[in-house]
Amino acid sequence: MTVPKTPVLVLDSAEPELLARFYAELLGATTGPAPGDEGLILVTGRAGVVLGIRHDPDHAPPSWPLPEGSQQAHVCILVEARHLDDAEREAVSLGARPVAAEGDGSMPGSRTGLRRYADPAGHGFVLSAVPEDVAPQAPRADIP
């Protein structure tokens, strides 16, 4: 039997409240302290905890993407293809900084289906277009 676990990707930030608010607004989520760990802010969406934000007064933004094309750890946000442009406008209005957009030929009339950004603390994240039928949904109540 596997012991139940909740994986959480934790991002460091000199201003954790601001970064948590950025992701909460971008993802339509809420924020709150982690039970038993007041130094960790959890960003919780419809499907459960999605990110943790921890205070690091000496945080230095990562260099992403590296010129050599190395994939570093980053947050990947799946968006229905038809909503990708709106998601991009929303992310930028909340403080995301565009890093790169790659033409992959999958979206006629659009420059790309994969768009890279740095969040307000400099962490990398991507908006990745997915077909409507594979976009994540809220968890079903009958599945534990």
N, C-alpha and C. Protein backbone atom coordinates (compact mmCIF):
# COMPACT_ATOMS: atom_id res chain seq x y z
N MET A 1 0.84 -1.18 0.00
CA MET A 1 0.00 0.00 0.00
C MET A 1 0.89 1.25 0.00
N THR A 2 0.55 2.20 -0.81
CA THR A 2 1.28 3.46 -0.87
C THR A 2 0.70 4.43 0.15
N VAL A 3 1.57 5.07 0.89
CA VAL A 3 1.15 6.07 1.87
C VAL A 3 0.65 7.30 1.10
N PRO A 4 -0.52 7.86 1.43
CA PRO A 4 -1.01 9.05 0.74
C PRO A 4 -0.04 10.22 0.89
N LYS A 5 0.19 10.92 -0.19
CA LYS A 5 1.11 12.06 -0.20
C LYS A 5 0.51 13.18 -1.05
N THR A 6 0.94 14.39 -0.79
CA THR A 6 0.54 15.53 -1.60
C THR A 6 1.80 16.23 -2.07
N PRO A 7 2.20 16.06 -3.33
CA PRO A 7 3.39 16.76 -3.81
C PRO A 7 3.07 18.23 -4.05
N VAL A 8 4.01 19.08 -3.69
CA VAL A 8 3.84 20.52 -3.88
C VAL A 8 5.15 21.07 -4.42
N LEU A 9 5.10 21.74 -5.54
CA LEU A 9 6.25 22.45 -6.06
C LEU A 9 6.36 23.76 -5.28
N VAL A 10 7.51 24.00 -4.66
CA VAL A 10 7.70 25.19 -3.84
C VAL A 10 8.64 26.16 -4.56
N LEU A 11 8.20 27.40 -4.66
CA LEU A 11 9.01 28.46 -5.26
C LEU A 11 9.46 29.41 -4.16
N ASP A 12 10.71 29.84 -4.22
CA ASP A 12 11.23 30.82 -3.28
C ASP A 12 10.97 32.22 -3.81
N SER A 13 10.79 33.16 -2.90
CA SER A 13 10.55 34.54 -3.30
C SER A 13 10.91 35.48 -2.17
N ALA A 14 11.47 36.62 -2.53
CA ALA A 14 11.75 37.66 -1.54
C ALA A 14 10.43 38.28 -1.06
N GLU A 15 9.39 38.20 -1.88
CA GLU A 15 8.07 38.74 -1.54
C GLU A 15 7.02 37.65 -1.77
N PRO A 16 6.94 36.67 -0.86
CA PRO A 16 6.08 35.51 -1.08
C PRO A 16 4.59 35.83 -1.19
N GLU A 17 4.12 36.82 -0.44
CA GLU A 17 2.70 37.16 -0.52
C GLU A 17 2.33 37.66 -1.91
N LEU A 18 3.21 38.50 -2.49
CA LEU A 18 2.95 39.02 -3.84
C LEU A 18 2.98 37.91 -4.88
N LEU A 19 3.94 37.00 -4.77
CA LEU A 19 4.03 35.90 -5.73
C LEU A 19 2.86 34.95 -5.58
N ALA A 20 2.46 34.66 -4.35
CA ALA A 20 1.30 33.79 -4.13
C ALA A 20 0.04 34.43 -4.72
N ARG A 21 -0.11 35.72 -4.54
CA ARG A 21 -1.27 36.42 -5.11
C ARG A 21 -1.26 36.37 -6.64
N PHE A 22 -0.07 36.52 -7.25
CA PHE A 22 0.06 36.43 -8.71
C PHE A 22 -0.48 35.08 -9.20
N TYR A 23 0.02 33.98 -8.62
CA TYR A 23 -0.43 32.66 -9.06
C TYR A 23 -1.88 32.40 -8.71
N ALA A 24 -2.35 32.87 -7.58
CA ALA A 24 -3.75 32.67 -7.22
C ALA A 24 -4.66 33.36 -8.22
N GLU A 25 -4.33 34.58 -8.61
CA GLU A 25 -5.15 35.29 -9.59
C GLU A 25 -5.05 34.65 -10.96
N LEU A 26 -3.86 34.23 -11.36
CA LEU A 26 -3.67 33.61 -12.66
C LEU A 26 -4.42 32.29 -12.76
N LEU A 27 -4.44 31.51 -11.67
CA LEU A 27 -5.04 30.18 -11.69
C LEU A 27 -6.45 30.13 -11.12
N GLY A 28 -6.99 31.25 -10.69
CA GLY A 28 -8.32 31.24 -10.08
C GLY A 28 -8.31 30.44 -8.80
N ALA A 29 -7.27 30.64 -7.99
CA ALA A 29 -7.06 29.84 -6.79
C ALA A 29 -7.11 30.72 -5.55
N THR A 30 -6.89 30.11 -4.40
CA THR A 30 -6.84 30.83 -3.14
C THR A 30 -5.47 30.62 -2.51
N THR A 31 -5.13 31.45 -1.52
CA THR A 31 -3.87 31.29 -0.81
C THR A 31 -4.13 31.18 0.68
N GLY A 32 -3.20 30.56 1.37
CA GLY A 32 -3.29 30.44 2.82
C GLY A 32 -2.04 29.77 3.35
N PRO A 33 -1.81 29.91 4.65
CA PRO A 33 -0.62 29.30 5.23
C PRO A 33 -0.74 27.78 5.24
N ALA A 34 0.39 27.11 5.10
CA ALA A 34 0.41 25.65 5.16
C ALA A 34 0.19 25.22 6.61
N PRO A 35 -0.66 24.23 6.84
CA PRO A 35 -0.85 23.76 8.21
C PRO A 35 0.47 23.28 8.80
N GLY A 36 0.83 23.82 9.95
CA GLY A 36 2.04 23.41 10.62
C GLY A 36 3.32 24.02 10.08
N ASP A 37 3.23 24.89 9.08
CA ASP A 37 4.42 25.52 8.50
C ASP A 37 4.06 26.94 8.11
N GLU A 38 4.15 27.85 9.06
CA GLU A 38 3.73 29.23 8.79
C GLU A 38 4.62 29.95 7.80
N GLY A 39 5.79 29.38 7.47
CA GLY A 39 6.68 30.00 6.49
C GLY A 39 6.36 29.63 5.05
N LEU A 40 5.34 28.79 4.86
CA LEU A 40 4.97 28.32 3.53
C LEU A 40 3.55 28.76 3.22
N ILE A 41 3.37 29.45 2.09
CA ILE A 41 2.04 29.84 1.62
C ILE A 41 1.63 28.84 0.55
N LEU A 42 0.43 28.28 0.68
CA LEU A 42 -0.08 27.34 -0.32
C LEU A 42 -1.05 28.05 -1.26
N VAL A 43 -0.90 27.79 -2.54
CA VAL A 43 -1.82 28.27 -3.56
C VAL A 43 -2.67 27.06 -3.92
N THR A 44 -3.96 27.14 -3.64
CA THR A 44 -4.85 26.00 -3.80
C THR A 44 -5.93 26.30 -4.83
N GLY A 45 -6.02 25.44 -5.84
CA GLY A 45 -7.02 25.58 -6.89
C GLY A 45 -8.15 24.58 -6.71
N ARG A 46 -9.02 24.49 -7.70
CA ARG A 46 -10.17 23.58 -7.63
C ARG A 46 -9.75 22.13 -7.46
N ALA A 47 -8.58 21.78 -8.01
CA ALA A 47 -8.12 20.39 -7.94
C ALA A 47 -7.23 20.14 -6.73
N GLY A 48 -7.04 21.13 -5.86
CA GLY A 48 -6.19 20.96 -4.68
C GLY A 48 -4.99 21.88 -4.74
N VAL A 49 -4.03 21.63 -3.85
CA VAL A 49 -2.82 22.46 -3.77
C VAL A 49 -2.04 22.34 -5.06
N VAL A 50 -1.63 23.47 -5.61
CA VAL A 50 -0.86 23.45 -6.85
C VAL A 50 0.55 24.01 -6.69
N LEU A 51 0.74 24.92 -5.75
CA LEU A 51 2.06 25.53 -5.54
C LEU A 51 2.25 25.92 -4.08
N GLY A 52 3.49 25.96 -3.68
CA GLY A 52 3.84 26.52 -2.39
C GLY A 52 4.81 27.66 -2.63
N ILE A 53 4.73 28.70 -1.82
CA ILE A 53 5.62 29.85 -1.94
C ILE A 53 6.29 30.05 -0.58
N ARG A 54 7.61 30.06 -0.58
CA ARG A 54 8.36 30.21 0.67
C ARG A 54 9.21 31.48 0.62
N HIS A 55 9.29 32.16 1.75
CA HIS A 55 10.08 33.39 1.84
C HIS A 55 11.57 33.08 1.82
N ASP A 56 12.28 33.75 0.95
CA ASP A 56 13.75 33.68 0.88
C ASP A 56 14.23 35.10 0.64
N PRO A 57 14.72 35.77 1.67
CA PRO A 57 15.12 37.17 1.51
C PRO A 57 16.28 37.35 0.53
N ASP A 58 17.02 36.29 0.26
CA ASP A 58 18.15 36.38 -0.66
C ASP A 58 17.84 35.76 -2.03
N HIS A 59 16.56 35.61 -2.34
CA HIS A 59 16.18 34.97 -3.61
C HIS A 59 16.77 35.71 -4.80
N ALA A 60 17.40 34.96 -5.68
CA ALA A 60 17.90 35.49 -6.95
C ALA A 60 17.14 34.78 -8.06
N PRO A 61 16.51 35.53 -8.97
CA PRO A 61 15.75 34.89 -10.04
C PRO A 61 16.61 33.93 -10.85
N PRO A 62 16.05 32.78 -11.21
CA PRO A 62 16.81 31.83 -12.03
C PRO A 62 17.01 32.37 -13.43
N SER A 63 17.98 31.85 -14.12
CA SER A 63 18.23 32.19 -15.52
C SER A 63 17.49 31.16 -16.35
N TRP A 64 16.38 31.57 -16.94
CA TRP A 64 15.54 30.61 -17.67
C TRP A 64 14.90 31.27 -18.87
N PRO A 65 14.84 30.66 -20.00
CA PRO A 65 15.56 29.44 -20.34
C PRO A 65 17.03 29.75 -20.57
N LEU A 66 17.86 28.77 -20.36
CA LEU A 66 19.29 28.95 -20.59
C LEU A 66 19.56 29.05 -22.09
N PRO A 67 20.59 29.78 -22.48
CA PRO A 67 20.89 29.92 -23.91
C PRO A 67 21.12 28.57 -24.60
N GLU A 68 21.60 27.59 -23.86
CA GLU A 68 21.87 26.28 -24.46
C GLU A 68 20.59 25.48 -24.68
N GLY A 69 19.45 26.03 -24.25
CA GLY A 69 18.18 25.35 -24.45
C GLY A 69 17.85 24.33 -23.38
N SER A 70 18.57 24.35 -22.27
CA SER A 70 18.33 23.41 -21.18
C SER A 70 16.95 23.65 -20.58
N GLN A 71 16.22 22.56 -20.32
CA GLN A 71 14.94 22.67 -19.65
C GLN A 71 15.18 22.64 -18.15
N GLN A 72 14.92 23.72 -17.48
CA GLN A 72 15.00 23.77 -16.03
C GLN A 72 13.61 23.49 -15.48
N ALA A 73 13.55 23.26 -14.18
CA ALA A 73 12.24 23.09 -13.54
C ALA A 73 11.43 24.36 -13.79
N HIS A 74 10.18 24.19 -14.15
CA HIS A 74 9.29 25.31 -14.39
C HIS A 74 7.85 24.85 -14.19
N VAL A 75 6.95 25.79 -14.05
CA VAL A 75 5.54 25.50 -13.90
C VAL A 75 4.94 25.47 -15.29
N CYS A 76 4.21 24.41 -15.60
CA CYS A 76 3.52 24.29 -16.88
C CYS A 76 2.02 24.41 -16.61
N ILE A 77 1.41 25.40 -17.23
CA ILE A 77 -0.02 25.66 -17.05
C ILE A 77 -0.73 25.28 -18.34
N LEU A 78 -1.58 24.25 -18.26
CA LEU A 78 -2.31 23.78 -19.42
C LEU A 78 -3.54 24.65 -19.64
N VAL A 79 -3.72 25.09 -20.89
CA VAL A 79 -4.81 25.99 -21.26
C VAL A 79 -5.45 25.47 -22.54
N GLU A 80 -6.78 25.45 -22.58
CA GLU A 80 -7.44 25.07 -23.83
C GLU A 80 -6.93 25.98 -24.93
N ALA A 81 -6.63 25.40 -26.07
CA ALA A 81 -6.03 26.15 -27.19
C ALA A 81 -6.82 27.40 -27.54
N ARG A 82 -8.13 27.30 -27.50
CA ARG A 82 -8.96 28.46 -27.88
C ARG A 82 -8.87 29.61 -26.89
N HIS A 83 -8.33 29.36 -25.68
CA HIS A 83 -8.21 30.40 -24.66
C HIS A 83 -6.77 30.87 -24.45
N LEU A 84 -5.84 30.39 -25.26
CA LEU A 84 -4.43 30.69 -25.03
C LEU A 84 -4.12 32.19 -25.11
N ASP A 85 -4.64 32.88 -26.11
CA ASP A 85 -4.37 34.31 -26.22
C ASP A 85 -4.92 35.07 -25.01
N ASP A 86 -6.12 34.71 -24.54
CA ASP A 86 -6.69 35.35 -23.36
C ASP A 86 -5.86 35.06 -22.12
N ALA A 87 -5.38 33.81 -21.98
CA ALA A 87 -4.55 33.45 -20.84
C ALA A 87 -3.25 34.24 -20.86
N GLU A 88 -2.70 34.45 -22.04
CA GLU A 88 -1.47 35.23 -22.14
C GLU A 88 -1.70 36.68 -21.71
N ARG A 89 -2.77 37.28 -22.19
CA ARG A 89 -3.07 38.66 -21.80
C ARG A 89 -3.27 38.77 -20.28
N GLU A 90 -3.95 37.79 -19.71
CA GLU A 90 -4.18 37.78 -18.27
C GLU A 90 -2.85 37.68 -17.52
N ALA A 91 -1.99 36.75 -17.92
CA ALA A 91 -0.70 36.56 -17.24
C ALA A 91 0.13 37.84 -17.29
N VAL A 92 0.21 38.46 -18.44
CA VAL A 92 1.01 39.68 -18.59
C VAL A 92 0.40 40.82 -17.77
N SER A 93 -0.93 40.92 -17.73
CA SER A 93 -1.56 41.99 -16.95
C SER A 93 -1.32 41.81 -15.45
N LEU A 94 -1.06 40.57 -15.01
CA LEU A 94 -0.79 40.29 -13.60
C LEU A 94 0.69 40.45 -13.25
N GLY A 95 1.54 40.67 -14.26
CA GLY A 95 2.95 40.91 -13.98
C GLY A 95 3.92 39.91 -14.58
N ALA A 96 3.44 38.95 -15.37
CA ALA A 96 4.35 38.01 -16.03
C ALA A 96 5.14 38.74 -17.11
N ARG A 97 6.38 38.30 -17.29
CA ARG A 97 7.25 38.88 -18.32
C ARG A 97 7.46 37.84 -19.42
N PRO A 98 7.02 38.13 -20.66
CA PRO A 98 7.25 37.17 -21.74
C PRO A 98 8.74 36.91 -21.95
N VAL A 99 9.09 35.64 -22.13
CA VAL A 99 10.48 35.25 -22.36
C VAL A 99 10.64 34.78 -23.79
N ALA A 100 9.72 33.91 -24.26
CA ALA A 100 9.82 33.39 -25.62
C ALA A 100 8.50 32.80 -26.04
N ALA A 101 8.26 32.81 -27.32
CA ALA A 101 7.11 32.12 -27.91
C ALA A 101 7.65 31.39 -29.12
N GLU A 102 7.36 30.11 -29.18
CA GLU A 102 7.89 29.29 -30.26
C GLU A 102 6.77 28.88 -31.20
N GLY A 103 7.00 29.07 -32.50
CA GLY A 103 6.05 28.61 -33.48
C GLY A 103 6.15 27.11 -33.63
N ASP A 104 5.07 26.41 -33.34
CA ASP A 104 5.11 24.96 -33.47
C ASP A 104 4.15 24.45 -34.54
N GLY A 105 3.47 25.38 -35.22
CA GLY A 105 2.61 24.98 -36.31
C GLY A 105 1.31 24.32 -35.89
N SER A 106 1.04 24.23 -34.61
CA SER A 106 -0.15 23.52 -34.17
C SER A 106 -1.38 24.41 -34.08
N MET A 107 -1.19 25.71 -34.15
CA MET A 107 -2.32 26.60 -33.98
C MET A 107 -2.42 27.57 -35.16
N PRO A 108 -3.23 27.23 -36.16
CA PRO A 108 -3.38 28.14 -37.30
C PRO A 108 -3.83 29.51 -36.83
N GLY A 109 -3.20 30.54 -37.38
CA GLY A 109 -3.57 31.91 -37.06
C GLY A 109 -2.99 32.42 -35.76
N SER A 110 -2.25 31.60 -35.06
CA SER A 110 -1.63 32.01 -33.81
C SER A 110 -0.14 31.76 -33.92
N ARG A 111 0.66 32.51 -33.18
CA ARG A 111 2.09 32.38 -33.34
C ARG A 111 2.65 31.11 -32.71
N THR A 112 1.95 30.54 -31.75
CA THR A 112 2.50 29.37 -31.09
C THR A 112 1.50 28.72 -30.16
N GLY A 113 1.78 27.48 -29.78
CA GLY A 113 0.98 26.79 -28.78
C GLY A 113 1.73 26.66 -27.47
N LEU A 114 2.93 27.23 -27.38
CA LEU A 114 3.74 27.17 -26.17
C LEU A 114 4.36 28.54 -25.95
N ARG A 115 4.03 29.16 -24.83
CA ARG A 115 4.53 30.50 -24.56
C ARG A 115 5.22 30.53 -23.20
N ARG A 116 6.44 31.07 -23.16
CA ARG A 116 7.26 31.06 -21.95
C ARG A 116 7.28 32.43 -21.30
N TYR A 117 7.28 32.41 -19.96
CA TYR A 117 7.26 33.65 -19.18
C TYR A 117 8.14 33.51 -17.95
N ALA A 118 8.42 34.64 -17.33
CA ALA A 118 8.99 34.68 -16.00
C ALA A 118 7.91 35.30 -15.11
N ASP A 119 7.68 34.69 -13.95
CA ASP A 119 6.71 35.26 -13.02
C ASP A 119 7.34 36.49 -12.36
N PRO A 120 6.62 37.23 -11.52
CA PRO A 120 7.18 38.44 -10.92
C PRO A 120 8.47 38.23 -10.12
N ALA A 121 8.73 37.00 -9.65
CA ALA A 121 9.97 36.71 -8.92
C ALA A 121 11.03 36.10 -9.82
N GLY A 122 10.72 35.93 -11.12
CA GLY A 122 11.69 35.43 -12.08
C GLY A 122 11.65 33.94 -12.36
N HIS A 123 10.74 33.18 -11.73
CA HIS A 123 10.63 31.75 -12.00
C HIS A 123 10.00 31.52 -13.37
N GLY A 124 10.45 30.49 -14.06
CA GLY A 124 9.91 30.18 -15.37
C GLY A 124 8.59 29.46 -15.31
N PHE A 125 7.69 29.83 -16.21
CA PHE A 125 6.46 29.06 -16.40
C PHE A 125 6.05 29.16 -17.86
N VAL A 126 5.27 28.19 -18.29
CA VAL A 126 4.78 28.19 -19.67
C VAL A 126 3.28 28.07 -19.66
N LEU A 127 2.67 28.68 -20.66
CA LEU A 127 1.28 28.42 -21.00
C LEU A 127 1.34 27.49 -22.19
N SER A 128 0.74 26.32 -22.05
CA SER A 128 0.80 25.30 -23.08
C SER A 128 -0.60 24.96 -23.55
N ALA A 129 -0.83 25.14 -24.85
CA ALA A 129 -2.15 24.87 -25.42
C ALA A 129 -2.40 23.37 -25.50
N VAL A 130 -3.61 22.99 -25.06
CA VAL A 130 -4.04 21.60 -25.16
C VAL A 130 -5.43 21.58 -25.78
N PRO A 131 -5.76 20.48 -26.48
CA PRO A 131 -7.12 20.38 -27.02
C PRO A 131 -8.14 20.42 -25.89
N GLU A 132 -9.32 20.89 -26.21
CA GLU A 132 -10.37 21.03 -25.20
C GLU A 132 -10.66 19.71 -24.49
N ASP A 133 -10.59 18.60 -25.20
CA ASP A 133 -10.95 17.32 -24.59
C ASP A 133 -9.90 16.77 -23.63
N VAL A 134 -8.71 17.39 -23.55
CA VAL A 134 -7.71 16.93 -22.58
C VAL A 134 -7.37 17.99 -21.55
N ALA A 135 -8.08 19.11 -21.57
CA ALA A 135 -7.84 20.15 -20.57
C ALA A 135 -8.26 19.63 -19.21
N PRO A 136 -7.50 19.98 -18.17
CA PRO A 136 -7.82 19.49 -16.83
C PRO A 136 -9.17 19.99 -16.35
N GLN A 137 -9.85 19.16 -15.64
CA GLN A 137 -11.16 19.49 -15.09
C GLN A 137 -11.07 19.45 -13.56
N ALA A 138 -12.06 20.01 -12.92
CA ALA A 138 -12.13 19.91 -11.45
C ALA A 138 -12.29 18.44 -11.09
N PRO A 139 -11.73 18.02 -9.95
CA PRO A 139 -11.83 16.62 -9.57
C PRO A 139 -13.27 16.21 -9.32
N ARG A 140 -13.55 14.95 -9.60
CA ARG A 140 -14.89 14.42 -9.36
C ARG A 140 -15.05 14.13 -7.88
N ALA A 141 -16.23 14.38 -7.37
CA ALA A 141 -16.49 14.18 -5.94
C ALA A 141 -16.45 12.70 -5.56
N ASP A 142 -16.69 11.80 -6.52
CA ASP A 142 -16.75 10.37 -6.20
C ASP A 142 -15.39 9.69 -6.23
N ILE A 143 -14.33 10.44 -6.56
CA ILE A 143 -12.97 9.87 -6.58
C ILE A 143 -12.21 10.41 -5.39
N PRO A 144 -11.76 9.52 -4.50
CA PRO A 144 -11.04 10.00 -3.31
C PRO A 144 -9.69 10.58 -3.65
